[in-house]
């Protein structure tokens, strides 16, 4: 059973969404509903959560600030908001989905189908040993969040993606760390490793690319199942880095 949390500062919005999720009660269970992001921040770490339905515009802290304050998290995020002014394509590249209020049932169904597929993929990835052939540990990076400073090995980074003015680190243990710094700042730190910025919004760890698909710029498929577009200007460099001997 998928464990879900709803965070929306408006009780009417959270109640309506909880009611709509009842149609999917065979696969998803709402274990907590919060209307105060600070309360959610204090309690969510003690819950086993698969997905958070997250509002964007909230008082005290918005949805992005909530994730950044949380620091490291391993749940999926589905944004639910009345506003479509947030670069939808960029958000969808990082969040599992982006639903506009009032939530359409068909769109909600698609989001839950996507969520089920992602959770199944996560289970497969958890059984993999990413470091079997990596005896030499990489230098650690310090990722500051409002929660504290996370120290991670570079080899544990699958990719880094821009989300508004934040950067989201996707790790091999399937957790994520959201940092209030731009992607450009991290590009400089990662340029000496086996990383490449494949478009304006994404830096990937080349070690975890499992397939390249041809196209104008093409796309890469990562070990976690994500498919990412490559800009035409980065195509030749990517191919050179991937297939050079």
C-alpha atoms as a PDB file:
ATOM      1  CA  UNK A   1       0.000   0.000   0.000  1.00  0.00           C
ATOM      2  CA  UNK A   2       1.336   3.422  -0.964  1.00  0.00           C
ATOM      3  CA  UNK A   3       1.615   5.755   2.033  1.00  0.00           C
ATOM      4  CA  UNK A   4       0.663   9.364   1.253  1.00  0.00           C
ATOM      5  CA  UNK A   5       0.791  12.694   3.072  1.00  0.00           C
ATOM      6  CA  UNK A   6      -1.099  15.852   2.074  1.00  0.00           C
ATOM      7  CA  UNK A   7       0.316  19.289   2.883  1.00  0.00           C
ATOM      8  CA  UNK A   8      -1.912  22.242   1.977  1.00  0.00           C
ATOM      9  CA  UNK A   9      -2.391  25.344   4.085  1.00  0.00           C
ATOM     10  CA  UNK A  10      -6.056  25.477   3.077  1.00  0.00           C
ATOM     11  CA  UNK A  11      -8.111  22.850   4.909  1.00  0.00           C
ATOM     12  CA  UNK A  12     -10.724  22.875   2.148  1.00  0.00           C
ATOM     13  CA  UNK A  13      -8.089  21.958  -0.430  1.00  0.00           C
ATOM     14  CA  UNK A  14      -6.618  19.140   1.639  1.00  0.00           C
ATOM     15  CA  UNK A  15     -10.079  17.763   2.470  1.00  0.00           C
ATOM     16  CA  UNK A  16     -11.139  17.758  -1.198  1.00  0.00           C
ATOM     17  CA  UNK A  17      -7.962  15.976  -2.270  1.00  0.00           C
ATOM     18  CA  UNK A  18      -8.284  13.416   0.511  1.00  0.00           C
ATOM     19  CA  UNK A  19     -11.843  12.744  -0.618  1.00  0.00           C
ATOM     20  CA  UNK A  20     -10.738  12.247  -4.249  1.00  0.00           C
ATOM     21  CA  UNK A  21      -7.975   9.886  -3.174  1.00  0.00           C
ATOM     22  CA  UNK A  22     -10.646   7.642  -1.654  1.00  0.00           C
ATOM     23  CA  UNK A  23     -11.345   6.447  -5.198  1.00  0.00           C
ATOM     24  CA  UNK A  24      -7.854   4.893  -5.131  1.00  0.00           C
ATOM     25  CA  UNK A  25      -7.997   3.489  -1.593  1.00  0.00           C
ATOM     26  CA  UNK A  26      -7.011   0.011  -2.799  1.00  0.00           C
ATOM     27  CA  UNK A  27      -3.530   1.268  -3.701  1.00  0.00           C
ATOM     28  CA  UNK A  28      -2.980   4.460  -1.697  1.00  0.00           C
ATOM     29  CA  UNK A  29      -3.545   5.375   1.946  1.00  0.00           C
ATOM     30  CA  UNK A  30      -3.446   8.921   3.303  1.00  0.00           C
ATOM     31  CA  UNK A  31      -1.631   8.571   6.634  1.00  0.00           C
ATOM     32  CA  UNK A  32      -1.432  12.266   7.521  1.00  0.00           C
ATOM     33  CA  UNK A  33      -2.894  15.619   6.470  1.00  0.00           C
ATOM     34  CA  UNK A  34      -1.198  18.886   7.396  1.00  0.00           C
ATOM     35  CA  UNK A  35      -2.324  22.477   6.981  1.00  0.00           C
ATOM     36  CA  UNK A  36       0.768  23.898   8.674  1.00  0.00           C
ATOM     37  CA  UNK A  37       4.126  23.333   6.940  1.00  0.00           C
ATOM     38  CA  UNK A  38       6.033  23.795  10.201  1.00  0.00           C
ATOM     39  CA  UNK A  39       4.008  21.054  11.879  1.00  0.00           C
ATOM     40  CA  UNK A  40       4.581  18.809   8.864  1.00  0.00           C
ATOM     41  CA  UNK A  41       8.303  19.544   9.013  1.00  0.00           C
ATOM     42  CA  UNK A  42       8.472  18.381  12.628  1.00  0.00           C
ATOM     43  CA  UNK A  43       6.503  15.180  12.128  1.00  0.00           C
ATOM     44  CA  UNK A  44       7.106  13.893   8.615  1.00  0.00           C
ATOM     45  CA  UNK A  45      10.564  12.469   9.387  1.00  0.00           C
ATOM     46  CA  UNK A  46       8.911  10.029  11.789  1.00  0.00           C
ATOM     47  CA  UNK A  47       6.564   8.716   9.122  1.00  0.00           C
ATOM     48  CA  UNK A  48       7.217   6.145   6.433  1.00  0.00           C
ATOM     49  CA  UNK A  49       6.063   8.139   3.417  1.00  0.00           C
ATOM     50  CA  UNK A  50       6.031   7.205  -0.276  1.00  0.00           C
ATOM     51  CA  UNK A  51       4.553  10.424  -1.656  1.00  0.00           C
ATOM     52  CA  UNK A  52       3.695  13.931  -0.514  1.00  0.00           C
ATOM     53  CA  UNK A  53       0.941  15.888  -2.252  1.00  0.00           C
ATOM     54  CA  UNK A  54       2.420  19.343  -1.764  1.00  0.00           C
ATOM     55  CA  UNK A  55       0.921  22.799  -2.200  1.00  0.00           C
ATOM     56  CA  UNK A  56       3.257  25.484  -3.546  1.00  0.00           C
ATOM     57  CA  UNK A  57       1.891  28.774  -2.209  1.00  0.00           C
ATOM     58  CA  UNK A  58       1.731  28.606   1.591  1.00  0.00           C
ATOM     59  CA  UNK A  59       2.358  31.177   4.335  1.00  0.00           C
ATOM     60  CA  UNK A  60       5.582  31.066   6.367  1.00  0.00           C
ATOM     61  CA  UNK A  61       7.239  28.730   3.852  1.00  0.00           C
ATOM     62  CA  UNK A  62       6.255  27.684   0.330  1.00  0.00           C
ATOM     63  CA  UNK A  63       6.501  24.174  -1.067  1.00  0.00           C
ATOM     64  CA  UNK A  64      10.079  24.641  -2.293  1.00  0.00           C
ATOM     65  CA  UNK A  65      11.204  26.041   1.056  1.00  0.00           C
ATOM     66  CA  UNK A  66       9.514  23.140   2.836  1.00  0.00           C
ATOM     67  CA  UNK A  67      11.560  20.616   0.859  1.00  0.00           C
ATOM     68  CA  UNK A  68      14.748  22.622   1.339  1.00  0.00           C
ATOM     69  CA  UNK A  69      14.095  22.831   5.092  1.00  0.00           C
ATOM     70  CA  UNK A  70      13.494  19.093   5.194  1.00  0.00           C
ATOM     71  CA  UNK A  71      16.923  18.545   3.669  1.00  0.00           C
ATOM     72  CA  UNK A  72      17.213  14.894   2.670  1.00  0.00           C
ATOM     73  CA  UNK A  73      14.068  12.976   1.745  1.00  0.00           C
ATOM     74  CA  UNK A  74      13.261   9.822  -0.210  1.00  0.00           C
ATOM     75  CA  UNK A  75       9.575  10.287  -0.988  1.00  0.00           C
ATOM     76  CA  UNK A  76       8.095  11.380  -4.303  1.00  0.00           C
ATOM     77  CA  UNK A  77       6.542  14.823  -4.651  1.00  0.00           C
ATOM     78  CA  UNK A  78       3.341  15.663  -6.485  1.00  0.00           C
ATOM     79  CA  UNK A  79       2.692  19.392  -6.511  1.00  0.00           C
ATOM     80  CA  UNK A  80      -0.966  20.380  -6.171  1.00  0.00           C
ATOM     81  CA  UNK A  81      -1.571  24.082  -6.698  1.00  0.00           C
ATOM     82  CA  UNK A  82      -4.033  26.609  -8.059  1.00  0.00           C
ATOM     83  CA  UNK A  83      -1.236  28.432  -9.870  1.00  0.00           C
ATOM     84  CA  UNK A  84       0.328  27.542 -13.217  1.00  0.00           C
ATOM     85  CA  UNK A  85       2.944  30.290 -13.152  1.00  0.00           C
ATOM     86  CA  UNK A  86       5.757  28.001 -11.984  1.00  0.00           C
ATOM     87  CA  UNK A  87       7.745  26.757 -14.951  1.00  0.00           C
ATOM     88  CA  UNK A  88       5.750  23.605 -15.392  1.00  0.00           C
ATOM     89  CA  UNK A  89       8.260  21.747 -17.511  1.00  0.00           C
ATOM     90  CA  UNK A  90      11.041  22.415 -15.012  1.00  0.00           C
ATOM     91  CA  UNK A  91       8.895  21.313 -12.100  1.00  0.00           C
ATOM     92  CA  UNK A  92       7.808  18.141 -13.826  1.00  0.00           C
ATOM     93  CA  UNK A  93      11.422  17.270 -14.497  1.00  0.00           C
ATOM     94  CA  UNK A  94      11.954  17.108 -10.728  1.00  0.00           C
ATOM     95  CA  UNK A  95       8.605  16.330  -9.135  1.00  0.00           C
ATOM     96  CA  UNK A  96       6.731  13.194 -10.072  1.00  0.00           C
ATOM     97  CA  UNK A  97       3.804  15.292 -11.283  1.00  0.00           C
ATOM     98  CA  UNK A  98       2.130  18.702 -11.128  1.00  0.00           C
ATOM     99  CA  UNK A  99      -1.629  18.916 -10.654  1.00  0.00           C
ATOM    100  CA  UNK A 100      -3.715  22.054 -10.939  1.00  0.00           C
ATOM    101  CA  UNK A 101      -6.649  22.747  -8.625  1.00  0.00           C
ATOM    102  CA  UNK A 102      -9.394  21.776  -8.844  1.00  0.00           C
ATOM    103  CA  UNK A 103      -7.773  18.379  -9.346  1.00  0.00           C
ATOM    104  CA  UNK A 104      -9.101  16.505 -12.343  1.00  0.00           C
ATOM    105  CA  UNK A 105      -9.788  12.841 -11.557  1.00  0.00           C
ATOM    106  CA  UNK A 106      -8.227  11.587 -14.781  1.00  0.00           C
ATOM    107  CA  UNK A 107      -5.066  13.591 -14.137  1.00  0.00           C
ATOM    108  CA  UNK A 108      -4.994  12.235 -10.590  1.00  0.00           C
ATOM    109  CA  UNK A 109      -5.363   8.700 -11.926  1.00  0.00           C
ATOM    110  CA  UNK A 110      -2.423   9.209 -14.286  1.00  0.00           C
ATOM    111  CA  UNK A 111      -0.309  10.584 -11.455  1.00  0.00           C
ATOM    112  CA  UNK A 112      -1.051   7.563  -9.258  1.00  0.00           C
ATOM    113  CA  UNK A 113      -0.289   5.160 -12.119  1.00  0.00           C
ATOM    114  CA  UNK A 114       3.033   6.954 -12.545  1.00  0.00           C
ATOM    115  CA  UNK A 115       3.624   6.732  -8.800  1.00  0.00           C
ATOM    116  CA  UNK A 116       3.005   2.979  -8.747  1.00  0.00           C
ATOM    117  CA  UNK A 117       5.499   2.469 -11.579  1.00  0.00           C
ATOM    118  CA  UNK A 118       8.104   4.628  -9.833  1.00  0.00           C
ATOM    119  CA  UNK A 119       7.765   2.724  -6.553  1.00  0.00           C
ATOM    120  CA  UNK A 120       8.162  -0.608  -8.344  1.00  0.00           C
ATOM    121  CA  UNK A 121      11.291   0.706 -10.029  1.00  0.00           C
ATOM    122  CA  UNK A 122      12.639   1.894  -6.683  1.00  0.00           C
ATOM    123  CA  UNK A 123      12.315  -1.603  -5.266  1.00  0.00           C
ATOM    124  CA  UNK A 124      14.410  -2.987  -8.106  1.00  0.00           C
ATOM    125  CA  UNK A 125      17.056  -0.293  -7.670  1.00  0.00           C
ATOM    126  CA  UNK A 126      17.324  -0.944  -3.939  1.00  0.00           C
ATOM    127  CA  UNK A 127      18.533  -4.456  -4.736  1.00  0.00           C
ATOM    128  CA  UNK A 128      21.370  -3.187  -6.921  1.00  0.00           C
ATOM    129  CA  UNK A 129      24.939  -2.686  -5.706  1.00  0.00           C
ATOM    130  CA  UNK A 130      26.063   0.594  -7.228  1.00  0.00           C
ATOM    131  CA  UNK A 131      29.573   0.439  -5.826  1.00  0.00           C
ATOM    132  CA  UNK A 132      30.598  -3.101  -6.698  1.00  0.00           C
ATOM    133  CA  UNK A 133      33.248  -1.854  -9.138  1.00  0.00           C
ATOM    134  CA  UNK A 134      34.129   1.407  -7.342  1.00  0.00           C
ATOM    135  CA  UNK A 135      36.756   0.584  -4.703  1.00  0.00           C
ATOM    136  CA  UNK A 136      38.173   4.106  -4.653  1.00  0.00           C
ATOM    137  CA  UNK A 137      35.772   6.371  -2.713  1.00  0.00           C
ATOM    138  CA  UNK A 138      35.204   9.832  -4.157  1.00  0.00           C
ATOM    139  CA  UNK A 139      35.730  13.073  -2.282  1.00  0.00           C
ATOM    140  CA  UNK A 140      32.710  14.237  -0.355  1.00  0.00           C
ATOM    141  CA  UNK A 141      30.609  17.271  -1.179  1.00  0.00           C
ATOM    142  CA  UNK A 142      29.032  19.494   1.446  1.00  0.00           C
ATOM    143  CA  UNK A 143      25.387  20.327   0.716  1.00  0.00           C
ATOM    144  CA  UNK A 144      24.011  23.022   3.023  1.00  0.00           C
ATOM    145  CA  UNK A 145      20.290  23.064   3.777  1.00  0.00           C
ATOM    146  CA  UNK A 146      18.334  24.812   6.510  1.00  0.00           C
ATOM    147  CA  UNK A 147      18.347  21.452   8.325  1.00  0.00           C
ATOM    148  CA  UNK A 148      22.145  21.268   8.373  1.00  0.00           C
ATOM    149  CA  UNK A 149      25.047  20.255   6.145  1.00  0.00           C
ATOM    150  CA  UNK A 150      24.850  16.925   4.309  1.00  0.00           C
ATOM    151  CA  UNK A 151      28.154  15.284   3.390  1.00  0.00           C
ATOM    152  CA  UNK A 152      27.815  12.981   0.387  1.00  0.00           C
ATOM    153  CA  UNK A 153      30.236  11.078  -1.816  1.00  0.00           C
ATOM    154  CA  UNK A 154      30.315  12.191  -5.412  1.00  0.00           C
ATOM    155  CA  UNK A 155      29.947   8.578  -6.508  1.00  0.00           C
ATOM    156  CA  UNK A 156      26.572   8.498  -4.738  1.00  0.00           C
ATOM    157  CA  UNK A 157      25.154  11.209  -7.004  1.00  0.00           C
ATOM    158  CA  UNK A 158      22.966   9.995  -9.870  1.00  0.00           C
ATOM    159  CA  UNK A 159      22.148  13.464 -11.158  1.00  0.00           C
ATOM    160  CA  UNK A 160      21.509  17.055 -10.116  1.00  0.00           C
ATOM    161  CA  UNK A 161      18.506  18.940 -11.461  1.00  0.00           C
ATOM    162  CA  UNK A 162      17.461  22.575 -11.293  1.00  0.00           C
ATOM    163  CA  UNK A 163      14.146  23.360  -9.623  1.00  0.00           C
ATOM    164  CA  UNK A 164      13.399  27.072  -9.736  1.00  0.00           C
ATOM    165  CA  UNK A 165      16.263  28.652  -7.732  1.00  0.00           C
ATOM    166  CA  UNK A 166      17.068  25.351  -6.040  1.00  0.00           C
ATOM    167  CA  UNK A 167      19.074  22.273  -7.005  1.00  0.00           C
ATOM    168  CA  UNK A 168      17.902  18.733  -6.265  1.00  0.00           C
ATOM    169  CA  UNK A 169      20.476  15.985  -5.779  1.00  0.00           C
ATOM    170  CA  UNK A 170      19.217  12.492  -6.677  1.00  0.00           C
ATOM    171  CA  UNK A 171      21.264   9.844  -4.885  1.00  0.00           C
ATOM    172  CA  UNK A 172      21.867   6.145  -5.460  1.00  0.00           C
ATOM    173  CA  UNK A 173      20.036   5.283  -2.224  1.00  0.00           C
ATOM    174  CA  UNK A 174      16.961   6.892  -3.873  1.00  0.00           C
ATOM    175  CA  UNK A 175      16.873   9.811  -1.473  1.00  0.00           C
ATOM    176  CA  UNK A 176      16.940  13.442  -2.574  1.00  0.00           C
ATOM    177  CA  UNK A 177      18.553  16.542  -1.132  1.00  0.00           C
ATOM    178  CA  UNK A 178      17.230  19.977  -2.029  1.00  0.00           C
ATOM    179  CA  UNK A 179      19.693  22.866  -1.784  1.00  0.00           C
ATOM    180  CA  UNK A 180      19.020  26.571  -2.235  1.00  0.00           C
ATOM    181  CA  UNK A 181      21.857  27.085  -4.714  1.00  0.00           C
ATOM    182  CA  UNK A 182      21.816  27.238  -8.491  1.00  0.00           C
ATOM    183  CA  UNK A 183      22.950  24.425 -10.753  1.00  0.00           C
ATOM    184  CA  UNK A 184      25.790  26.577 -12.080  1.00  0.00           C
ATOM    185  CA  UNK A 185      27.453  26.665  -8.664  1.00  0.00           C
ATOM    186  CA  UNK A 186      27.555  22.869  -8.519  1.00  0.00           C
ATOM    187  CA  UNK A 187      28.678  22.505 -12.132  1.00  0.00           C
ATOM    188  CA  UNK A 188      31.998  24.070 -11.145  1.00  0.00           C
ATOM    189  CA  UNK A 189      32.419  21.628  -8.233  1.00  0.00           C
ATOM    190  CA  UNK A 190      31.594  18.574 -10.336  1.00  0.00           C
ATOM    191  CA  UNK A 191      33.470  19.427 -13.526  1.00  0.00           C
ATOM    192  CA  UNK A 192      36.563  17.448 -12.461  1.00  0.00           C
ATOM    193  CA  UNK A 193      34.561  14.242 -11.988  1.00  0.00           C
ATOM    194  CA  UNK A 194      32.666  12.006 -14.367  1.00  0.00           C
ATOM    195  CA  UNK A 195      29.778  14.466 -14.591  1.00  0.00           C
ATOM    196  CA  UNK A 196      28.353  16.416 -17.501  1.00  0.00           C
ATOM    197  CA  UNK A 197      25.701  19.086 -17.834  1.00  0.00           C
ATOM    198  CA  UNK A 198      23.540  17.668 -20.618  1.00  0.00           C
ATOM    199  CA  UNK A 199      21.112  20.589 -20.845  1.00  0.00           C
ATOM    200  CA  UNK A 200      20.316  23.833 -19.049  1.00  0.00           C
ATOM    201  CA  UNK A 201      18.653  22.049 -16.141  1.00  0.00           C
ATOM    202  CA  UNK A 202      20.483  18.771 -15.532  1.00  0.00           C
ATOM    203  CA  UNK A 203      23.943  17.485 -14.603  1.00  0.00           C
ATOM    204  CA  UNK A 204      24.318  13.694 -14.818  1.00  0.00           C
ATOM    205  CA  UNK A 205      26.795  11.164 -13.494  1.00  0.00           C
ATOM    206  CA  UNK A 206      27.970   9.433 -16.675  1.00  0.00           C
ATOM    207  CA  UNK A 207      28.606   6.205 -14.743  1.00  0.00           C
ATOM    208  CA  UNK A 208      24.869   5.699 -14.328  1.00  0.00           C
ATOM    209  CA  UNK A 209      23.758   6.183 -17.940  1.00  0.00           C
ATOM    210  CA  UNK A 210      22.585   2.854 -19.347  1.00  0.00           C
ATOM    211  CA  UNK A 211      21.353   3.908 -22.780  1.00  0.00           C
ATOM    212  CA  UNK A 212      21.696   6.729 -25.281  1.00  0.00           C
ATOM    213  CA  UNK A 213      18.852   7.281 -27.772  1.00  0.00           C
ATOM    214  CA  UNK A 214      19.513   9.168 -30.973  1.00  0.00           C
ATOM    215  CA  UNK A 215      17.747  12.403 -31.836  1.00  0.00           C
ATOM    216  CA  UNK A 216      18.448  16.081 -32.421  1.00  0.00           C
ATOM    217  CA  UNK A 217      20.292  16.092 -29.137  1.00  0.00           C
ATOM    218  CA  UNK A 218      19.081  12.668 -28.126  1.00  0.00           C
ATOM    219  CA  UNK A 219      18.062  11.364 -24.720  1.00  0.00           C
ATOM    220  CA  UNK A 220      19.816   9.342 -22.049  1.00  0.00           C
ATOM    221  CA  UNK A 221      18.255   6.695 -19.851  1.00  0.00           C
ATOM    222  CA  UNK A 222      19.576   6.527 -16.311  1.00  0.00           C
ATOM    223  CA  UNK A 223      19.845   3.513 -14.026  1.00  0.00           C
ATOM    224  CA  UNK A 224      16.829   4.791 -12.053  1.00  0.00           C
ATOM    225  CA  UNK A 225      14.629   4.691 -15.165  1.00  0.00           C
ATOM    226  CA  UNK A 226      14.560   8.438 -15.795  1.00  0.00           C
ATOM    227  CA  UNK A 227      14.873   9.606 -19.418  1.00  0.00           C
ATOM    228  CA  UNK A 228      16.568  12.972 -19.835  1.00  0.00           C
ATOM    229  CA  UNK A 229      16.861  15.178 -22.897  1.00  0.00           C
ATOM    230  CA  UNK A 230      20.285  16.148 -24.203  1.00  0.00           C
ATOM    231  CA  UNK A 231      20.641  19.580 -25.781  1.00  0.00           C
ATOM    232  CA  UNK A 232      21.974  19.615 -29.343  1.00  0.00           C
ATOM    233  CA  UNK A 233      24.975  21.648 -28.214  1.00  0.00           C
ATOM    234  CA  UNK A 234      25.985  18.930 -25.712  1.00  0.00           C
ATOM    235  CA  UNK A 235      25.406  15.916 -27.940  1.00  0.00           C
ATOM    236  CA  UNK A 236      28.918  15.542 -29.391  1.00  0.00           C
ATOM    237  CA  UNK A 237      30.616  16.061 -26.046  1.00  0.00           C
ATOM    238  CA  UNK A 238      28.341  13.506 -24.401  1.00  0.00           C
ATOM    239  CA  UNK A 239      29.013  10.889 -27.078  1.00  0.00           C
ATOM    240  CA  UNK A 240      32.741  11.539 -26.833  1.00  0.00           C
ATOM    241  CA  UNK A 241      32.676  11.145 -23.041  1.00  0.00           C
ATOM    242  CA  UNK A 242      30.478   8.029 -23.140  1.00  0.00           C
ATOM    243  CA  UNK A 243      32.204   6.090 -25.895  1.00  0.00           C
ATOM    244  CA  UNK A 244      35.835   7.190 -25.743  1.00  0.00           C
ATOM    245  CA  UNK A 245      38.239   4.406 -24.832  1.00  0.00           C
END
